[in-house]
Amino acid sequence: MNDQKTDTVIGEDIVFKGTVRFQNCLRVKGFIKGSVQAEGDLVVEEGGKVEADVNSNSAVVNGTFLGNVEAKEKVEIGKTGTLIGDIKTPKLHIETGAKFTGHSSM
């Protein structure tokens, strides 16, 4: 993910159900359930949870992600991250300690 400014944060106390659309960067510390359609980057922070199918520029998972992700640039699963679902992206990085269950297509 680019070192760009975070435009929006879903805080720890926020539960969002529905479709999320954004252009730049979204950090999730709370919970999203539904779908994510983005031109920008999605970051699921440690303690954050996303249950959605995601189309984005890139995705970084340090929390819990349940669903399929399609990223134009890359997907990263950090050492505290869990991703259960399928991944379609040109670049995939999984740190030691991360959990991934699903299929990947690059």
PDB file of N, CA and C in Angstrom:
ATOM      1  N   MET A   1       0.833  -1.178   0.000  1.00  0.00           N
ATOM      2  CA  MET A   1       0.000   0.000   0.000  1.00  0.00           C
ATOM      3  C   MET A   1       0.875   1.238   0.000  1.00  0.00           C
ATOM      4  N   ASN A   2       0.472   2.226  -0.704  1.00  0.00           N
ATOM      5  CA  ASN A   2       1.216   3.479  -0.753  1.00  0.00           C
ATOM      6  C   ASN A   2       1.154   4.171   0.601  1.00  0.00           C
ATOM      7  N   ASP A   3       2.192   4.935   0.920  1.00  0.00           N
ATOM      8  CA  ASP A   3       2.190   5.727   2.138  1.00  0.00           C
ATOM      9  C   ASP A   3       1.363   6.980   1.904  1.00  0.00           C
ATOM     10  N   GLN A   4       0.079   6.777   1.812  1.00  0.00           N
ATOM     11  CA  GLN A   4      -0.800   7.905   1.549  1.00  0.00           C
ATOM     12  C   GLN A   4      -1.648   8.205   2.771  1.00  0.00           C
ATOM     13  N   LYS A   5      -2.214   9.365   2.757  1.00  0.00           N
ATOM     14  CA  LYS A   5      -3.071   9.828   3.829  1.00  0.00           C
ATOM     15  C   LYS A   5      -4.308   8.939   3.943  1.00  0.00           C
ATOM     16  N   THR A   6      -4.684   8.596   5.166  1.00  0.00           N
ATOM     17  CA  THR A   6      -5.920   7.867   5.403  1.00  0.00           C
ATOM     18  C   THR A   6      -7.066   8.859   5.396  1.00  0.00           C
ATOM     19  N   ASP A   7      -8.046   8.620   4.545  1.00  0.00           N
ATOM     20  CA  ASP A   7      -9.185   9.519   4.441  1.00  0.00           C
ATOM     21  C   ASP A   7     -10.270   9.200   5.455  1.00  0.00           C
ATOM     22  N   THR A   8     -10.509   7.909   5.722  1.00  0.00           N
ATOM     23  CA  THR A   8     -11.619   7.511   6.567  1.00  0.00           C
ATOM     24  C   THR A   8     -11.196   6.372   7.483  1.00  0.00           C
ATOM     25  N   VAL A   9     -11.699   6.409   8.715  1.00  0.00           N
ATOM     26  CA  VAL A   9     -11.452   5.345   9.679  1.00  0.00           C
ATOM     27  C   VAL A   9     -12.801   4.877  10.218  1.00  0.00           C
ATOM     28  N   ILE A  10     -13.023   3.570  10.162  1.00  0.00           N
ATOM     29  CA  ILE A  10     -14.172   2.965  10.825  1.00  0.00           C
ATOM     30  C   ILE A  10     -13.657   2.578  12.207  1.00  0.00           C
ATOM     31  N   GLY A  11     -14.051   3.325  13.244  1.00  0.00           N
ATOM     32  CA  GLY A  11     -13.516   3.152  14.592  1.00  0.00           C
ATOM     33  C   GLY A  11     -13.938   1.860  15.262  1.00  0.00           C
ATOM     34  N   GLU A  12     -13.281   1.574  16.387  1.00  0.00           N
ATOM     35  CA  GLU A  12     -13.516   0.341  17.131  1.00  0.00           C
ATOM     36  C   GLU A  12     -14.968   0.160  17.539  1.00  0.00           C
ATOM     37  N   ASP A  13     -15.668   1.248  17.773  1.00  0.00           N
ATOM     38  CA  ASP A  13     -17.046   1.166  18.254  1.00  0.00           C
ATOM     39  C   ASP A  13     -18.083   1.237  17.132  1.00  0.00           C
ATOM     40  N   ILE A  14     -17.638   1.160  15.863  1.00  0.00           N
ATOM     41  CA  ILE A  14     -18.540   1.285  14.719  1.00  0.00           C
ATOM     42  C   ILE A  14     -18.847  -0.084  14.117  1.00  0.00           C
ATOM     43  N   VAL A  15     -20.145  -0.329  13.865  1.00  0.00           N
ATOM     44  CA  VAL A  15     -20.606  -1.497  13.113  1.00  0.00           C
ATOM     45  C   VAL A  15     -21.314  -0.951  11.878  1.00  0.00           C
ATOM     46  N   PHE A  16     -20.823  -1.317  10.688  1.00  0.00           N
ATOM     47  CA  PHE A  16     -21.404  -0.833   9.444  1.00  0.00           C
ATOM     48  C   PHE A  16     -21.886  -2.024   8.640  1.00  0.00           C
ATOM     49  N   LYS A  17     -23.154  -2.002   8.226  1.00  0.00           N
ATOM     50  CA  LYS A  17     -23.710  -3.062   7.381  1.00  0.00           C
ATOM     51  C   LYS A  17     -24.227  -2.427   6.103  1.00  0.00           C
ATOM     52  N   GLY A  18     -23.766  -2.932   4.949  1.00  0.00           N
ATOM     53  CA  GLY A  18     -24.178  -2.387   3.667  1.00  0.00           C
ATOM     54  C   GLY A  18     -23.011  -2.352   2.702  1.00  0.00           C
ATOM     55  N   THR A  19     -23.113  -1.478   1.708  1.00  0.00           N
ATOM     56  CA  THR A  19     -22.066  -1.332   0.705  1.00  0.00           C
ATOM     57  C   THR A  19     -21.233  -0.095   1.003  1.00  0.00           C
ATOM     58  N   VAL A  20     -19.920  -0.277   1.043  1.00  0.00           N
ATOM     59  CA  VAL A  20     -18.995   0.827   1.281  1.00  0.00           C
ATOM     60  C   VAL A  20     -18.283   1.132  -0.037  1.00  0.00           C
ATOM     61  N   ARG A  21     -18.279   2.411  -0.404  1.00  0.00           N
ATOM     62  CA  ARG A  21     -17.557   2.863  -1.597  1.00  0.00           C
ATOM     63  C   ARG A  21     -16.643   4.009  -1.187  1.00  0.00           C
ATOM     64  N   PHE A  22     -15.400   3.984  -1.686  1.00  0.00           N
ATOM     65  CA  PHE A  22     -14.467   5.069  -1.379  1.00  0.00           C
ATOM     66  C   PHE A  22     -13.419   5.166  -2.466  1.00  0.00           C
ATOM     67  N   GLN A  23     -12.739   6.334  -2.507  1.00  0.00           N
ATOM     68  CA  GLN A  23     -11.758   6.613  -3.545  1.00  0.00           C
ATOM     69  C   GLN A  23     -10.308   6.460  -3.081  1.00  0.00           C
ATOM     70  N   ASN A  24     -10.003   6.780  -1.830  1.00  0.00           N
ATOM     71  CA  ASN A  24      -8.612   6.824  -1.388  1.00  0.00           C
ATOM     72  C   ASN A  24      -8.284   5.679  -0.442  1.00  0.00           C
ATOM     73  N   CYS A  25      -8.226   5.912   0.848  1.00  0.00           N
ATOM     74  CA  CYS A  25      -7.836   4.872   1.797  1.00  0.00           C
ATOM     75  C   CYS A  25      -8.855   4.778   2.936  1.00  0.00           C
ATOM     76  N   LEU A  26      -9.227   3.551   3.283  1.00  0.00           N
ATOM     77  CA  LEU A  26     -10.130   3.292   4.398  1.00  0.00           C
ATOM     78  C   LEU A  26      -9.444   2.361   5.371  1.00  0.00           C
ATOM     79  N   ARG A  27      -9.398   2.756   6.647  1.00  0.00           N
ATOM     80  CA  ARG A  27      -8.863   1.905   7.715  1.00  0.00           C
ATOM     81  C   ARG A  27     -10.032   1.407   8.552  1.00  0.00           C
ATOM     82  N   VAL A  28     -10.063   0.091   8.777  1.00  0.00           N
ATOM     83  CA  VAL A  28     -11.149  -0.519   9.538  1.00  0.00           C
ATOM     84  C   VAL A  28     -10.609  -1.006  10.869  1.00  0.00           C
ATOM     85  N   LYS A  29     -11.094  -0.386  11.932  1.00  0.00           N
ATOM     86  CA  LYS A  29     -10.769  -0.823  13.291  1.00  0.00           C
ATOM     87  C   LYS A  29     -11.992  -1.450  13.940  1.00  0.00           C
ATOM     88  N   GLY A  30     -13.167  -1.211  13.337  1.00  0.00           N
ATOM     89  CA  GLY A  30     -14.431  -1.749  13.819  1.00  0.00           C
ATOM     90  C   GLY A  30     -14.865  -2.935  12.982  1.00  0.00           C
ATOM     91  N   PHE A  31     -16.143  -2.912  12.527  1.00  0.00           N
ATOM     92  CA  PHE A  31     -16.723  -4.051  11.828  1.00  0.00           C
ATOM     93  C   PHE A  31     -17.505  -3.584  10.606  1.00  0.00           C
ATOM     94  N   ILE A  32     -17.250  -4.226   9.468  1.00  0.00           N
ATOM     95  CA  ILE A  32     -18.012  -3.985   8.242  1.00  0.00           C
ATOM     96  C   ILE A  32     -18.561  -5.318   7.766  1.00  0.00           C
ATOM     97  N   LYS A  33     -19.866  -5.325   7.429  1.00  0.00           N
ATOM     98  CA  LYS A  33     -20.485  -6.511   6.839  1.00  0.00           C
ATOM     99  C   LYS A  33     -21.254  -6.063   5.608  1.00  0.00           C
ATOM    100  N   GLY A  34     -20.974  -6.685   4.465  1.00  0.00           N
ATOM    101  CA  GLY A  34     -21.665  -6.314   3.232  1.00  0.00           C
ATOM    102  C   GLY A  34     -20.753  -6.455   2.040  1.00  0.00           C
ATOM    103  N   SER A  35     -20.471  -5.341   1.377  1.00  0.00           N
ATOM    104  CA  SER A  35     -19.548  -5.356   0.246  1.00  0.00           C
ATOM    105  C   SER A  35     -18.743  -4.055   0.234  1.00  0.00           C
ATOM    106  N   VAL A  36     -17.557  -4.145  -0.365  1.00  0.00           N
ATOM    107  CA  VAL A  36     -16.676  -2.985  -0.465  1.00  0.00           C
ATOM    108  C   VAL A  36     -16.277  -2.822  -1.921  1.00  0.00           C
ATOM    109  N   GLN A  37     -16.556  -1.654  -2.484  1.00  0.00           N
ATOM    110  CA  GLN A  37     -16.205  -1.312  -3.858  1.00  0.00           C
ATOM    111  C   GLN A  37     -15.326  -0.067  -3.783  1.00  0.00           C
ATOM    112  N   ALA A  38     -14.056  -0.206  -4.150  1.00  0.00           N
ATOM    113  CA  ALA A  38     -13.143   0.909  -3.906  1.00  0.00           C
ATOM    114  C   ALA A  38     -12.122   1.091  -5.021  1.00  0.00           C
ATOM    115  N   GLU A  39     -11.806   2.339  -5.279  1.00  0.00           N
ATOM    116  CA  GLU A  39     -10.683   2.676  -6.146  1.00  0.00           C
ATOM    117  C   GLU A  39      -9.401   2.742  -5.315  1.00  0.00           C
ATOM    118  N   GLY A  40      -9.548   2.888  -4.015  1.00  0.00           N
ATOM    119  CA  GLY A  40      -8.407   3.071  -3.124  1.00  0.00           C
ATOM    120  C   GLY A  40      -7.999   1.802  -2.414  1.00  0.00           C
ATOM    121  N   ASP A  41      -7.355   2.008  -1.260  1.00  0.00           N
ATOM    122  CA  ASP A  41      -6.758   0.925  -0.485  1.00  0.00           C
ATOM    123  C   ASP A  41      -7.567   0.653   0.777  1.00  0.00           C
ATOM    124  N   LEU A  42      -7.751  -0.630   1.087  1.00  0.00           N
ATOM    125  CA  LEU A  42      -8.449  -1.063   2.292  1.00  0.00           C
ATOM    126  C   LEU A  42      -7.431  -1.610   3.272  1.00  0.00           C
ATOM    127  N   VAL A  43      -7.479  -1.131   4.515  1.00  0.00           N
ATOM    128  CA  VAL A  43      -6.600  -1.627   5.571  1.00  0.00           C
ATOM    129  C   VAL A  43      -7.478  -2.101   6.716  1.00  0.00           C
ATOM    130  N   VAL A  44      -7.392  -3.386   7.047  1.00  0.00           N
ATOM    131  CA  VAL A  44      -8.107  -3.947   8.190  1.00  0.00           C
ATOM    132  C   VAL A  44      -7.098  -4.034   9.331  1.00  0.00           C
ATOM    133  N   GLU A  45      -7.277  -3.175  10.312  1.00  0.00           N
ATOM    134  CA  GLU A  45      -6.341  -3.097  11.428  1.00  0.00           C
ATOM    135  C   GLU A  45      -6.512  -4.285  12.379  1.00  0.00           C
ATOM    136  N   GLU A  46      -5.514  -4.543  13.191  1.00  0.00           N
ATOM    137  CA  GLU A  46      -5.612  -5.576  14.215  1.00  0.00           C
ATOM    138  C   GLU A  46      -6.805  -5.249  15.105  1.00  0.00           C
ATOM    139  N   GLY A  47      -7.689  -6.215  15.307  1.00  0.00           N
ATOM    140  CA  GLY A  47      -8.921  -5.991  16.064  1.00  0.00           C
ATOM    141  C   GLY A  47     -10.100  -5.643  15.174  1.00  0.00           C
ATOM    142  N   GLY A  48      -9.842  -5.236  13.937  1.00  0.00           N
ATOM    143  CA  GLY A  48     -10.901  -4.928  12.984  1.00  0.00           C
ATOM    144  C   GLY A  48     -11.393  -6.192  12.306  1.00  0.00           C
ATOM    145  N   LYS A  49     -12.642  -6.141  11.803  1.00  0.00           N
ATOM    146  CA  LYS A  49     -13.221  -7.309  11.144  1.00  0.00           C
ATOM    147  C   LYS A  49     -14.041  -6.863   9.940  1.00  0.00           C
ATOM    148  N   VAL A  50     -13.845  -7.577   8.833  1.00  0.00           N
ATOM    149  CA  VAL A  50     -14.609  -7.326   7.616  1.00  0.00           C
ATOM    150  C   VAL A  50     -15.191  -8.654   7.153  1.00  0.00           C
ATOM    151  N   GLU A  51     -16.513  -8.669   6.965  1.00  0.00           N
ATOM    152  CA  GLU A  51     -17.207  -9.806   6.359  1.00  0.00           C
ATOM    153  C   GLU A  51     -17.824  -9.273   5.079  1.00  0.00           C
ATOM    154  N   ALA A  52     -17.085  -9.373   3.972  1.00  0.00           N
ATOM    155  CA  ALA A  52     -17.535  -8.762   2.724  1.00  0.00           C
ATOM    156  C   ALA A  52     -16.726  -9.294   1.556  1.00  0.00           C
ATOM    157  N   ASP A  53     -17.293  -9.150   0.375  1.00  0.00           N
ATOM    158  CA  ASP A  53     -16.520  -9.321  -0.843  1.00  0.00           C
ATOM    159  C   ASP A  53     -15.987  -7.946  -1.203  1.00  0.00           C
ATOM    160  N   VAL A  54     -14.698  -7.888  -1.550  1.00  0.00           N
ATOM    161  CA  VAL A  54     -14.017  -6.613  -1.734  1.00  0.00           C
ATOM    162  C   VAL A  54     -13.396  -6.532  -3.117  1.00  0.00           C
ATOM    163  N   ASN A  55     -13.598  -5.398  -3.772  1.00  0.00           N
ATOM    164  CA  ASN A  55     -12.866  -5.014  -4.976  1.00  0.00           C
ATOM    165  C   ASN A  55     -12.183  -3.702  -4.638  1.00  0.00           C
ATOM    166  N   SER A  56     -10.840  -3.694  -4.695  1.00  0.00           N
ATOM    167  CA  SER A  56     -10.104  -2.491  -4.318  1.00  0.00           C
ATOM    168  C   SER A  56      -8.782  -2.423  -5.080  1.00  0.00           C
ATOM    169  N   ASN A  57      -8.072  -1.323  -4.876  1.00  0.00           N
ATOM    170  CA  ASN A  57      -6.735  -1.187  -5.441  1.00  0.00           C
ATOM    171  C   ASN A  57      -5.778  -2.141  -4.732  1.00  0.00           C
ATOM    172  N   SER A  58      -5.794  -2.101  -3.400  1.00  0.00           N
ATOM    173  CA  SER A  58      -4.985  -3.024  -2.602  1.00  0.00           C
ATOM    174  C   SER A  58      -5.700  -3.288  -1.285  1.00  0.00           C
ATOM    175  N   ALA A  59      -5.279  -4.350  -0.611  1.00  0.00           N
ATOM    176  CA  ALA A  59      -5.859  -4.695   0.688  1.00  0.00           C
ATOM    177  C   ALA A  59      -4.749  -5.163   1.609  1.00  0.00           C
ATOM    178  N   VAL A  60      -4.777  -4.651   2.840  1.00  0.00           N
ATOM    179  CA  VAL A  60      -3.845  -5.066   3.886  1.00  0.00           C
ATOM    180  C   VAL A  60      -4.686  -5.592   5.031  1.00  0.00           C
ATOM    181  N   VAL A  61      -4.419  -6.832   5.452  1.00  0.00           N
ATOM    182  CA  VAL A  61      -5.219  -7.463   6.497  1.00  0.00           C
ATOM    183  C   VAL A  61      -4.335  -7.752   7.707  1.00  0.00           C
ATOM    184  N   ASN A  62      -4.590  -7.021   8.793  1.00  0.00           N
ATOM    185  CA  ASN A  62      -3.925  -7.283  10.068  1.00  0.00           C
ATOM    186  C   ASN A  62      -4.935  -7.738  11.109  1.00  0.00           C
ATOM    187  N   GLY A  63      -6.208  -7.718  10.749  1.00  0.00           N
ATOM    188  CA  GLY A  63      -7.299  -8.175  11.602  1.00  0.00           C
ATOM    189  C   GLY A  63      -7.917  -9.418  10.996  1.00  0.00           C
ATOM    190  N   THR A  64      -9.258  -9.474  10.967  1.00  0.00           N
ATOM    191  CA  THR A  64      -9.974 -10.633  10.442  1.00  0.00           C
ATOM    192  C   THR A  64     -10.758 -10.232   9.200  1.00  0.00           C
ATOM    193  N   PHE A  65     -10.613 -11.023   8.153  1.00  0.00           N
ATOM    194  CA  PHE A  65     -11.304 -10.773   6.888  1.00  0.00           C
ATOM    195  C   PHE A  65     -11.960 -12.066   6.448  1.00  0.00           C
ATOM    196  N   LEU A  66     -13.288 -12.033   6.287  1.00  0.00           N
ATOM    197  CA  LEU A  66     -14.040 -13.186   5.807  1.00  0.00           C
ATOM    198  C   LEU A  66     -14.731 -12.781   4.510  1.00  0.00           C
ATOM    199  N   GLY A  67     -14.312 -13.351   3.399  1.00  0.00           N
ATOM    200  CA  GLY A  67     -14.882 -13.008   2.102  1.00  0.00           C
ATOM    201  C   GLY A  67     -13.811 -13.082   1.032  1.00  0.00           C
ATOM    202  N   ASN A  68     -14.216 -12.781  -0.170  1.00  0.00           N
ATOM    203  CA  ASN A  68     -13.300 -12.807  -1.307  1.00  0.00           C
ATOM    204  C   ASN A  68     -12.772 -11.409  -1.571  1.00  0.00           C
ATOM    205  N   VAL A  69     -11.520 -11.341  -2.004  1.00  0.00           N
ATOM    206  CA  VAL A  69     -10.923 -10.045  -2.299  1.00  0.00           C
ATOM    207  C   VAL A  69     -10.282 -10.077  -3.686  1.00  0.00           C
ATOM    208  N   GLU A  70     -10.581  -9.035  -4.448  1.00  0.00           N
ATOM    209  CA  GLU A  70      -9.939  -8.829  -5.738  1.00  0.00           C
ATOM    210  C   GLU A  70      -9.271  -7.466  -5.686  1.00  0.00           C
ATOM    211  N   ALA A  71      -7.939  -7.462  -5.795  1.00  0.00           N
ATOM    212  CA  ALA A  71      -7.168  -6.221  -5.684  1.00  0.00           C
ATOM    213  C   ALA A  71      -6.359  -6.009  -6.954  1.00  0.00           C
ATOM    214  N   LYS A  72      -6.415  -4.796  -7.484  1.00  0.00           N
ATOM    215  CA  LYS A  72      -5.705  -4.473  -8.723  1.00  0.00           C
ATOM    216  C   LYS A  72      -4.196  -4.472  -8.544  1.00  0.00           C
ATOM    217  N   GLU A  73      -3.716  -4.050  -7.348  1.00  0.00           N
ATOM    218  CA  GLU A  73      -2.282  -3.921  -7.112  1.00  0.00           C
ATOM    219  C   GLU A  73      -1.716  -5.079  -6.299  1.00  0.00           C
ATOM    220  N   LYS A  74      -2.198  -5.242  -5.037  1.00  0.00           N
ATOM    221  CA  LYS A  74      -1.657  -6.304  -4.190  1.00  0.00           C
ATOM    222  C   LYS A  74      -2.539  -6.552  -2.973  1.00  0.00           C
ATOM    223  N   VAL A  75      -2.302  -7.722  -2.356  1.00  0.00           N
ATOM    224  CA  VAL A  75      -2.921  -8.094  -1.081  1.00  0.00           C
ATOM    225  C   VAL A  75      -1.802  -8.475  -0.134  1.00  0.00           C
ATOM    226  N   GLU A  76      -1.871  -7.943   1.089  1.00  0.00           N
ATOM    227  CA  GLU A  76      -0.908  -8.291   2.130  1.00  0.00           C
ATOM    228  C   GLU A  76      -1.676  -8.812   3.341  1.00  0.00           C
ATOM    229  N   ILE A  77      -1.214  -9.935   3.892  1.00  0.00           N
ATOM    230  CA  ILE A  77      -1.773 -10.453   5.141  1.00  0.00           C
ATOM    231  C   ILE A  77      -0.652 -10.374   6.172  1.00  0.00           C
ATOM    232  N   GLY A  78      -0.861  -9.541   7.181  1.00  0.00           N
ATOM    233  CA  GLY A  78       0.147  -9.348   8.215  1.00  0.00           C
ATOM    234  C   GLY A  78       0.168 -10.489   9.207  1.00  0.00           C
ATOM    235  N   LYS A  79       1.170 -10.506  10.075  1.00  0.00           N
ATOM    236  CA  LYS A  79       1.354 -11.614  11.025  1.00  0.00           C
ATOM    237  C   LYS A  79       0.187 -11.780  11.989  1.00  0.00           C
ATOM    238  N   THR A  80      -0.601 -10.728  12.224  1.00  0.00           N
ATOM    239  CA  THR A  80      -1.777 -10.832  13.097  1.00  0.00           C
ATOM    240  C   THR A  80      -3.063 -11.011  12.300  1.00  0.00           C
ATOM    241  N   GLY A  81      -2.944 -11.129  10.975  1.00  0.00           N
ATOM    242  CA  GLY A  81      -4.109 -11.181  10.101  1.00  0.00           C
ATOM    243  C   GLY A  81      -4.626 -12.586   9.839  1.00  0.00           C
ATOM    244  N   THR A  82      -5.943 -12.663   9.622  1.00  0.00           N
ATOM    245  CA  THR A  82      -6.612 -13.891   9.213  1.00  0.00           C
ATOM    246  C   THR A  82      -7.478 -13.561   8.014  1.00  0.00           C
ATOM    247  N   LEU A  83      -7.296 -14.290   6.925  1.00  0.00           N
ATOM    248  CA  LEU A  83      -8.133 -14.114   5.745  1.00  0.00           C
ATOM    249  C   LEU A  83      -8.703 -15.467   5.358  1.00  0.00           C
ATOM    250  N   ILE A  84     -10.038 -15.553   5.347  1.00  0.00           N
ATOM    251  CA  ILE A  84     -10.735 -16.763   4.932  1.00  0.00           C
ATOM    252  C   ILE A  84     -11.553 -16.390   3.703  1.00  0.00           C
ATOM    253  N   GLY A  85     -11.120 -16.854   2.550  1.00  0.00           N
ATOM    254  CA  GLY A  85     -11.770 -16.530   1.290  1.00  0.00           C
ATOM    255  C   GLY A  85     -10.776 -16.635   0.158  1.00  0.00           C
ATOM    256  N   ASP A  86     -11.221 -16.305  -1.018  1.00  0.00           N
ATOM    257  CA  ASP A  86     -10.365 -16.390  -2.200  1.00  0.00           C
ATOM    258  C   ASP A  86      -9.776 -15.018  -2.531  1.00  0.00           C
ATOM    259  N   ILE A  87      -8.557 -15.048  -3.079  1.00  0.00           N
ATOM    260  CA  ILE A  87      -7.824 -13.830  -3.412  1.00  0.00           C
ATOM    261  C   ILE A  87      -7.487 -13.844  -4.894  1.00  0.00           C
ATOM    262  N   LYS A  88      -7.737 -12.707  -5.553  1.00  0.00           N
ATOM    263  CA  LYS A  88      -7.305 -12.524  -6.936  1.00  0.00           C
ATOM    264  C   LYS A  88      -6.544 -11.206  -6.987  1.00  0.00           C
ATOM    265  N   THR A  89      -5.242 -11.273  -7.290  1.00  0.00           N
ATOM    266  CA  THR A  89      -4.380 -10.095  -7.292  1.00  0.00           C
ATOM    267  C   THR A  89      -3.070 -10.419  -8.015  1.00  0.00           C
ATOM    268  N   PRO A  90      -2.384  -9.414  -8.559  1.00  0.00           N
ATOM    269  CA  PRO A  90      -1.093  -9.701  -9.190  1.00  0.00           C
ATOM    270  C   PRO A  90       0.033  -9.955  -8.188  1.00  0.00           C
ATOM    271  N   LYS A  91      -0.075  -9.408  -6.957  1.00  0.00           N
ATOM    272  CA  LYS A  91       0.962  -9.587  -5.940  1.00  0.00           C
ATOM    273  C   LYS A  91       0.322  -9.986  -4.620  1.00  0.00           C
ATOM    274  N   LEU A  92       0.878 -11.023  -3.985  1.00  0.00           N
ATOM    275  CA  LEU A  92       0.375 -11.505  -2.700  1.00  0.00           C
ATOM    276  C   LEU A  92       1.539 -11.661  -1.736  1.00  0.00           C
ATOM    277  N   HIS A  93       1.402 -11.062  -0.551  1.00  0.00           N
ATOM    278  CA  HIS A  93       2.437 -11.166   0.478  1.00  0.00           C
ATOM    279  C   HIS A  93       1.776 -11.664   1.761  1.00  0.00           C
ATOM    280  N   ILE A  94       2.260 -12.794   2.297  1.00  0.00           N
ATOM    281  CA  ILE A  94       1.728 -13.362   3.535  1.00  0.00           C
ATOM    282  C   ILE A  94       2.877 -13.465   4.530  1.00  0.00           C
ATOM    283  N   GLU A  95       2.761 -12.742   5.648  1.00  0.00           N
ATOM    284  CA  GLU A  95       3.810 -12.769   6.670  1.00  0.00           C
ATOM    285  C   GLU A  95       3.728 -14.048   7.496  1.00  0.00           C
ATOM    286  N   THR A  96       4.851 -14.434   8.079  1.00  0.00           N
ATOM    287  CA  THR A  96       4.893 -15.567   8.985  1.00  0.00           C
ATOM    288  C   THR A  96       3.964 -15.298  10.161  1.00  0.00           C
ATOM    289  N   GLY A  97       3.118 -16.261  10.474  1.00  0.00           N
ATOM    290  CA  GLY A  97       2.158 -16.117  11.569  1.00  0.00           C
ATOM    291  C   GLY A  97       0.758 -15.784  11.088  1.00  0.00           C
ATOM    292  N   ALA A  98       0.629 -15.312   9.852  1.00  0.00           N
ATOM    293  CA  ALA A  98      -0.679 -14.994   9.281  1.00  0.00           C
ATOM    294  C   ALA A  98      -1.448 -16.283   9.009  1.00  0.00           C
ATOM    295  N   LYS A  99      -2.779 -16.159   8.938  1.00  0.00           N
ATOM    296  CA  LYS A  99      -3.625 -17.309   8.642  1.00  0.00           C
ATOM    297  C   LYS A  99      -4.394 -17.028   7.353  1.00  0.00           C
ATOM    298  N   PHE A 100      -4.327 -17.970   6.408  1.00  0.00           N
ATOM    299  CA  PHE A 100      -5.026 -17.837   5.140  1.00  0.00           C
ATOM    300  C   PHE A 100      -5.662 -19.170   4.781  1.00  0.00           C
ATOM    301  N   THR A 101      -6.968 -19.153   4.554  1.00  0.00           N
ATOM    302  CA  THR A 101      -7.689 -20.322   4.096  1.00  0.00           C
ATOM    303  C   THR A 101      -8.461 -19.922   2.855  1.00  0.00           C
ATOM    304  N   GLY A 102      -8.164 -20.546   1.729  1.00  0.00           N
ATOM    305  CA  GLY A 102      -8.840 -20.227   0.477  1.00  0.00           C
ATOM    306  C   GLY A 102      -7.917 -20.487  -0.687  1.00  0.00           C
ATOM    307  N   HIS A 103      -8.270 -19.919  -1.824  1.00  0.00           N
ATOM    308  CA  HIS A 103      -7.484 -20.064  -3.037  1.00  0.00           C
ATOM    309  C   HIS A 103      -6.948 -18.695  -3.444  1.00  0.00           C
ATOM    310  N   SER A 104      -5.797 -18.698  -4.075  1.00  0.00           N
ATOM    311  CA  SER A 104      -5.254 -17.452  -4.603  1.00  0.00           C
ATOM    312  C   SER A 104      -5.004 -17.608  -6.089  1.00  0.00           C
ATOM    313  N   SER A 105      -5.254 -16.520  -6.800  1.00  0.00           N
ATOM    314  CA  SER A 105      -5.026 -16.472  -8.231  1.00  0.00           C
ATOM    315  C   SER A 105      -4.228 -15.218  -8.536  1.00  0.00           C
ATOM    316  N   MET A 106      -3.067 -15.408  -9.209  1.00  0.00           N
ATOM    317  CA  MET A 106      -2.203 -14.267  -9.520  1.00  0.00           C
ATOM    318  C   MET A 106      -1.864 -14.277 -10.988  1.00  0.00           C
TER     319      MET A 106
END
